[in-house]
Amino acid sequence: MKKILITILVSFIVSTSYSAGTDSGNETNYGKDFKSAIKLISKKKYDNAIEKLMDLVDVSSSDFTKADVLNEIGFAFRKNNDLDNASKYYLMALKEDPNHLGALEYQGEMFVDLGQKDKALANLNQLKDLVGEENSFYKELESYISRN
């Protein structure tokens, strides 16, 4: 009887541990998928990145937020010269997180590309209020505005 109880207890512990490991493994895979999509963007494989990121829009992960995914989709569309979709995804990212620093920066850059410098400056001012002038997001957008 004691052997049976020990066997049942050990089986329970092993199966519970395995299940917990499986769940966290999925989350790690999502993080790897997100990083893989970012690498595709850096290689200018925007269509592939968009496809991979679209699969992550409704994923819950500790490695990234929904706003992060939407922002990167917007960035890939912008770099692919699809400013209508870029605008749509930046707006979705900012609806998800109105203070998303990356979306504010990238949307600001898109505004510059569209000749809407006043809107770009509004994003720059919002970044200044959120993180100050020494933050990289602020500096990148300020530089982009200055160059164009």
C-alpha atoms as a PDB file:
ATOM      1  CA  MET A   1       0.000   0.000   0.000  1.00  0.00           C
ATOM      2  CA  LYS A   2       2.831   2.384   0.896  1.00  0.00           C
ATOM      3  CA  LYS A   3       4.541   1.632  -2.455  1.00  0.00           C
ATOM      4  CA  ILE A   4       1.329   2.410  -4.329  1.00  0.00           C
ATOM      5  CA  LEU A   5       0.932   5.772  -2.568  1.00  0.00           C
ATOM      6  CA  ILE A   6       4.547   6.696  -3.254  1.00  0.00           C
ATOM      7  CA  THR A   7       4.153   5.695  -6.912  1.00  0.00           C
ATOM      8  CA  ILE A   8       0.994   7.791  -7.246  1.00  0.00           C
ATOM      9  CA  LEU A   9       2.610  10.745  -5.497  1.00  0.00           C
ATOM     10  CA  VAL A  10       5.751  10.580  -7.661  1.00  0.00           C
ATOM     11  CA  SER A  11       3.629  10.258 -10.825  1.00  0.00           C
ATOM     12  CA  PHE A  12       1.622  13.288  -9.800  1.00  0.00           C
ATOM     13  CA  ILE A  13       4.726  15.386  -9.099  1.00  0.00           C
ATOM     14  CA  VAL A  14       6.383  14.373 -12.376  1.00  0.00           C
ATOM     15  CA  SER A  15       3.276  15.069 -14.477  1.00  0.00           C
ATOM     16  CA  THR A  16       2.669  18.419 -12.763  1.00  0.00           C
ATOM     17  CA  SER A  17       6.288  19.460 -13.269  1.00  0.00           C
ATOM     18  CA  TYR A  18       6.185  18.412 -16.895  1.00  0.00           C
ATOM     19  CA  SER A  19       3.002  20.377 -17.520  1.00  0.00           C
ATOM     20  CA  ALA A  20       4.435  23.494 -15.942  1.00  0.00           C
ATOM     21  CA  GLY A  21       7.580  23.171 -18.028  1.00  0.00           C
ATOM     22  CA  THR A  22       5.541  22.742 -21.180  1.00  0.00           C
ATOM     23  CA  ASP A  23       3.630  25.981 -20.592  1.00  0.00           C
ATOM     24  CA  SER A  24       6.730  28.046 -19.976  1.00  0.00           C
ATOM     25  CA  GLY A  25       8.322  26.427 -23.012  1.00  0.00           C
ATOM     26  CA  ASN A  26       5.560  27.820 -25.204  1.00  0.00           C
ATOM     27  CA  GLU A  27       6.169  31.295 -23.856  1.00  0.00           C
ATOM     28  CA  THR A  28       9.870  30.982 -24.589  1.00  0.00           C
ATOM     29  CA  ASN A  29       9.026  29.899 -28.132  1.00  0.00           C
ATOM     30  CA  TYR A  30       6.866  33.001 -28.538  1.00  0.00           C
ATOM     31  CA  GLY A  31       9.813  35.105 -27.415  1.00  0.00           C
ATOM     32  CA  LYS A  32      12.017  33.333 -29.948  1.00  0.00           C
ATOM     33  CA  ASP A  33       9.394  33.933 -32.653  1.00  0.00           C
ATOM     34  CA  PHE A  34       9.288  37.631 -31.789  1.00  0.00           C
ATOM     35  CA  LYS A  35      13.085  37.913 -31.878  1.00  0.00           C
ATOM     36  CA  SER A  36      13.118  36.002 -35.154  1.00  0.00           C
ATOM     37  CA  ALA A  37      10.653  38.499 -36.643  1.00  0.00           C
ATOM     38  CA  ILE A  38      12.847  41.387 -35.507  1.00  0.00           C
ATOM     39  CA  LYS A  39      15.837  39.729 -37.195  1.00  0.00           C
ATOM     40  CA  LEU A  40      13.791  39.437 -40.399  1.00  0.00           C
ATOM     41  CA  ILE A  41      13.093  43.164 -40.205  1.00  0.00           C
ATOM     42  CA  SER A  42      16.802  43.885 -39.785  1.00  0.00           C
ATOM     43  CA  LYS A  43      17.426  41.804 -42.912  1.00  0.00           C
ATOM     44  CA  LYS A  44      14.747  43.852 -44.735  1.00  0.00           C
ATOM     45  CA  LYS A  45      12.524  40.790 -45.156  1.00  0.00           C
ATOM     46  CA  TYR A  46       9.469  42.797 -44.228  1.00  0.00           C
ATOM     47  CA  ASP A  47       6.788  40.522 -45.686  1.00  0.00           C
ATOM     48  CA  ASN A  48       8.192  37.524 -43.799  1.00  0.00           C
ATOM     49  CA  ALA A  49       8.405  39.551 -40.602  1.00  0.00           C
ATOM     50  CA  ILE A  50       4.827  40.775 -40.949  1.00  0.00           C
ATOM     51  CA  GLU A  51       3.611  37.215 -41.452  1.00  0.00           C
ATOM     52  CA  LYS A  52       5.450  35.999 -38.350  1.00  0.00           C
ATOM     53  CA  LEU A  53       4.317  38.975 -36.263  1.00  0.00           C
ATOM     54  CA  MET A  54       0.677  38.560 -37.296  1.00  0.00           C
ATOM     55  CA  ASP A  55       0.753  35.149 -35.613  1.00  0.00           C
ATOM     56  CA  LEU A  56       1.807  36.844 -32.366  1.00  0.00           C
ATOM     57  CA  VAL A  57      -0.793  39.629 -32.183  1.00  0.00           C
ATOM     58  CA  ASP A  58      -3.104  37.750 -29.826  1.00  0.00           C
ATOM     59  CA  VAL A  59      -0.398  35.870 -27.916  1.00  0.00           C
ATOM     60  CA  SER A  60       0.105  36.522 -24.230  1.00  0.00           C
ATOM     61  CA  SER A  61       3.796  36.523 -23.359  1.00  0.00           C
ATOM     62  CA  SER A  62       6.116  37.963 -20.763  1.00  0.00           C
ATOM     63  CA  ASP A  63       8.673  38.518 -23.554  1.00  0.00           C
ATOM     64  CA  PHE A  64       6.691  41.249 -25.361  1.00  0.00           C
ATOM     65  CA  THR A  65       3.380  43.099 -25.281  1.00  0.00           C
ATOM     66  CA  LYS A  66       0.627  43.270 -27.855  1.00  0.00           C
ATOM     67  CA  ALA A  67       1.616  46.904 -28.421  1.00  0.00           C
ATOM     68  CA  ASP A  68       5.193  45.770 -29.142  1.00  0.00           C
ATOM     69  CA  VAL A  69       3.940  43.384 -31.834  1.00  0.00           C
ATOM     70  CA  LEU A  70       1.591  45.944 -33.393  1.00  0.00           C
ATOM     71  CA  ASN A  71       4.368  48.535 -33.414  1.00  0.00           C
ATOM     72  CA  GLU A  72       6.786  46.206 -35.190  1.00  0.00           C
ATOM     73  CA  ILE A  73       4.105  45.311 -37.746  1.00  0.00           C
ATOM     74  CA  GLY A  74       3.627  49.035 -38.359  1.00  0.00           C
ATOM     75  CA  PHE A  75       7.378  49.499 -38.731  1.00  0.00           C
ATOM     76  CA  ALA A  76       7.651  46.633 -41.240  1.00  0.00           C
ATOM     77  CA  PHE A  77       4.768  48.036 -43.279  1.00  0.00           C
ATOM     78  CA  ARG A  78       6.367  51.503 -43.235  1.00  0.00           C
ATOM     79  CA  LYS A  79       9.712  50.146 -44.386  1.00  0.00           C
ATOM     80  CA  ASN A  80       7.803  48.261 -47.094  1.00  0.00           C
ATOM     81  CA  ASN A  81       6.359  51.638 -48.221  1.00  0.00           C
ATOM     82  CA  ASP A  82       2.811  50.696 -47.169  1.00  0.00           C
ATOM     83  CA  LEU A  83       2.075  53.799 -45.123  1.00  0.00           C
ATOM     84  CA  ASP A  84      -1.678  53.138 -44.911  1.00  0.00           C
ATOM     85  CA  ASN A  85      -1.126  49.862 -43.075  1.00  0.00           C
ATOM     86  CA  ALA A  86       1.777  51.334 -41.099  1.00  0.00           C
ATOM     87  CA  SER A  87      -0.495  54.095 -39.846  1.00  0.00           C
ATOM     88  CA  LYS A  88      -3.210  51.585 -38.956  1.00  0.00           C
ATOM     89  CA  TYR A  89      -0.848  49.438 -36.885  1.00  0.00           C
ATOM     90  CA  TYR A  90       0.807  52.374 -35.120  1.00  0.00           C
ATOM     91  CA  LEU A  91      -2.652  53.573 -34.106  1.00  0.00           C
ATOM     92  CA  MET A  92      -3.538  50.087 -32.872  1.00  0.00           C
ATOM     93  CA  ALA A  93      -0.300  49.943 -30.854  1.00  0.00           C
ATOM     94  CA  LEU A  94      -1.008  53.335 -29.305  1.00  0.00           C
ATOM     95  CA  LYS A  95      -4.600  52.359 -28.557  1.00  0.00           C
ATOM     96  CA  GLU A  96      -3.229  49.316 -26.725  1.00  0.00           C
ATOM     97  CA  ASP A  97      -0.594  51.438 -24.914  1.00  0.00           C
ATOM     98  CA  PRO A  98      -0.903  55.233 -25.396  1.00  0.00           C
ATOM     99  CA  ASN A  99       2.611  55.706 -23.981  1.00  0.00           C
ATOM    100  CA  HIS A 100       4.385  53.069 -26.081  1.00  0.00           C
ATOM    101  CA  LEU A 101       7.731  54.734 -26.718  1.00  0.00           C
ATOM    102  CA  GLY A 102       8.590  52.780 -29.867  1.00  0.00           C
ATOM    103  CA  ALA A 103       5.220  53.434 -31.472  1.00  0.00           C
ATOM    104  CA  LEU A 104       5.453  57.149 -30.677  1.00  0.00           C
ATOM    105  CA  GLU A 105       8.919  57.328 -32.219  1.00  0.00           C
ATOM    106  CA  TYR A 106       8.103  55.293 -35.346  1.00  0.00           C
ATOM    107  CA  GLN A 107       4.771  56.993 -35.902  1.00  0.00           C
ATOM    108  CA  GLY A 108       6.585  60.318 -35.586  1.00  0.00           C
ATOM    109  CA  GLU A 109       9.058  59.219 -38.251  1.00  0.00           C
ATOM    110  CA  MET A 110       6.149  58.236 -40.494  1.00  0.00           C
ATOM    111  CA  PHE A 111       4.614  61.686 -39.961  1.00  0.00           C
ATOM    112  CA  VAL A 112       7.901  63.228 -41.135  1.00  0.00           C
ATOM    113  CA  ASP A 113       7.837  60.983 -44.231  1.00  0.00           C
ATOM    114  CA  LEU A 114       4.284  62.166 -44.921  1.00  0.00           C
ATOM    115  CA  GLY A 115       5.272  65.835 -44.565  1.00  0.00           C
ATOM    116  CA  GLN A 116       3.270  66.181 -41.333  1.00  0.00           C
ATOM    117  CA  LYS A 117       6.007  67.743 -39.239  1.00  0.00           C
ATOM    118  CA  ASP A 118       3.527  69.231 -36.752  1.00  0.00           C
ATOM    119  CA  LYS A 119       2.290  65.746 -35.856  1.00  0.00           C
ATOM    120  CA  ALA A 120       5.872  64.487 -35.610  1.00  0.00           C
ATOM    121  CA  LEU A 121       6.663  67.324 -33.214  1.00  0.00           C
ATOM    122  CA  ALA A 122       3.594  66.414 -31.124  1.00  0.00           C
ATOM    123  CA  ASN A 123       4.974  62.873 -30.793  1.00  0.00           C
ATOM    124  CA  LEU A 124       8.385  64.305 -29.911  1.00  0.00           C
ATOM    125  CA  ASN A 125       6.819  66.456 -27.189  1.00  0.00           C
ATOM    126  CA  GLN A 126       4.937  63.456 -25.822  1.00  0.00           C
ATOM    127  CA  LEU A 127       8.188  61.489 -25.672  1.00  0.00           C
ATOM    128  CA  LYS A 128       9.843  64.435 -23.908  1.00  0.00           C
ATOM    129  CA  ASP A 129       7.066  64.466 -21.311  1.00  0.00           C
ATOM    130  CA  LEU A 130       7.290  60.707 -20.820  1.00  0.00           C
ATOM    131  CA  VAL A 131      11.046  60.106 -20.712  1.00  0.00           C
ATOM    132  CA  GLY A 132      12.926  63.375 -21.186  1.00  0.00           C
ATOM    133  CA  GLU A 133      15.329  64.593 -23.816  1.00  0.00           C
ATOM    134  CA  GLU A 134      18.155  62.173 -22.968  1.00  0.00           C
ATOM    135  CA  ASN A 135      16.166  59.048 -23.815  1.00  0.00           C
ATOM    136  CA  SER A 136      17.072  57.190 -27.024  1.00  0.00           C
ATOM    137  CA  PHE A 137      13.499  57.244 -28.361  1.00  0.00           C
ATOM    138  CA  TYR A 138      13.382  61.025 -28.011  1.00  0.00           C
ATOM    139  CA  LYS A 139      16.854  61.463 -29.512  1.00  0.00           C
ATOM    140  CA  GLU A 140      16.097  59.194 -32.491  1.00  0.00           C
ATOM    141  CA  LEU A 141      12.902  61.039 -33.396  1.00  0.00           C
ATOM    142  CA  GLU A 142      14.496  64.440 -32.843  1.00  0.00           C
ATOM    143  CA  SER A 143      17.354  63.442 -35.142  1.00  0.00           C
ATOM    144  CA  TYR A 144      14.951  62.100 -37.786  1.00  0.00           C
ATOM    145  CA  ILE A 145      12.969  65.340 -37.750  1.00  0.00           C
ATOM    146  CA  SER A 146      16.161  67.412 -38.020  1.00  0.00           C
ATOM    147  CA  ARG A 147      17.482  65.426 -40.978  1.00  0.00           C
ATOM    148  CA  ASN A 148      14.283  65.703 -43.007  1.00  0.00           C
END
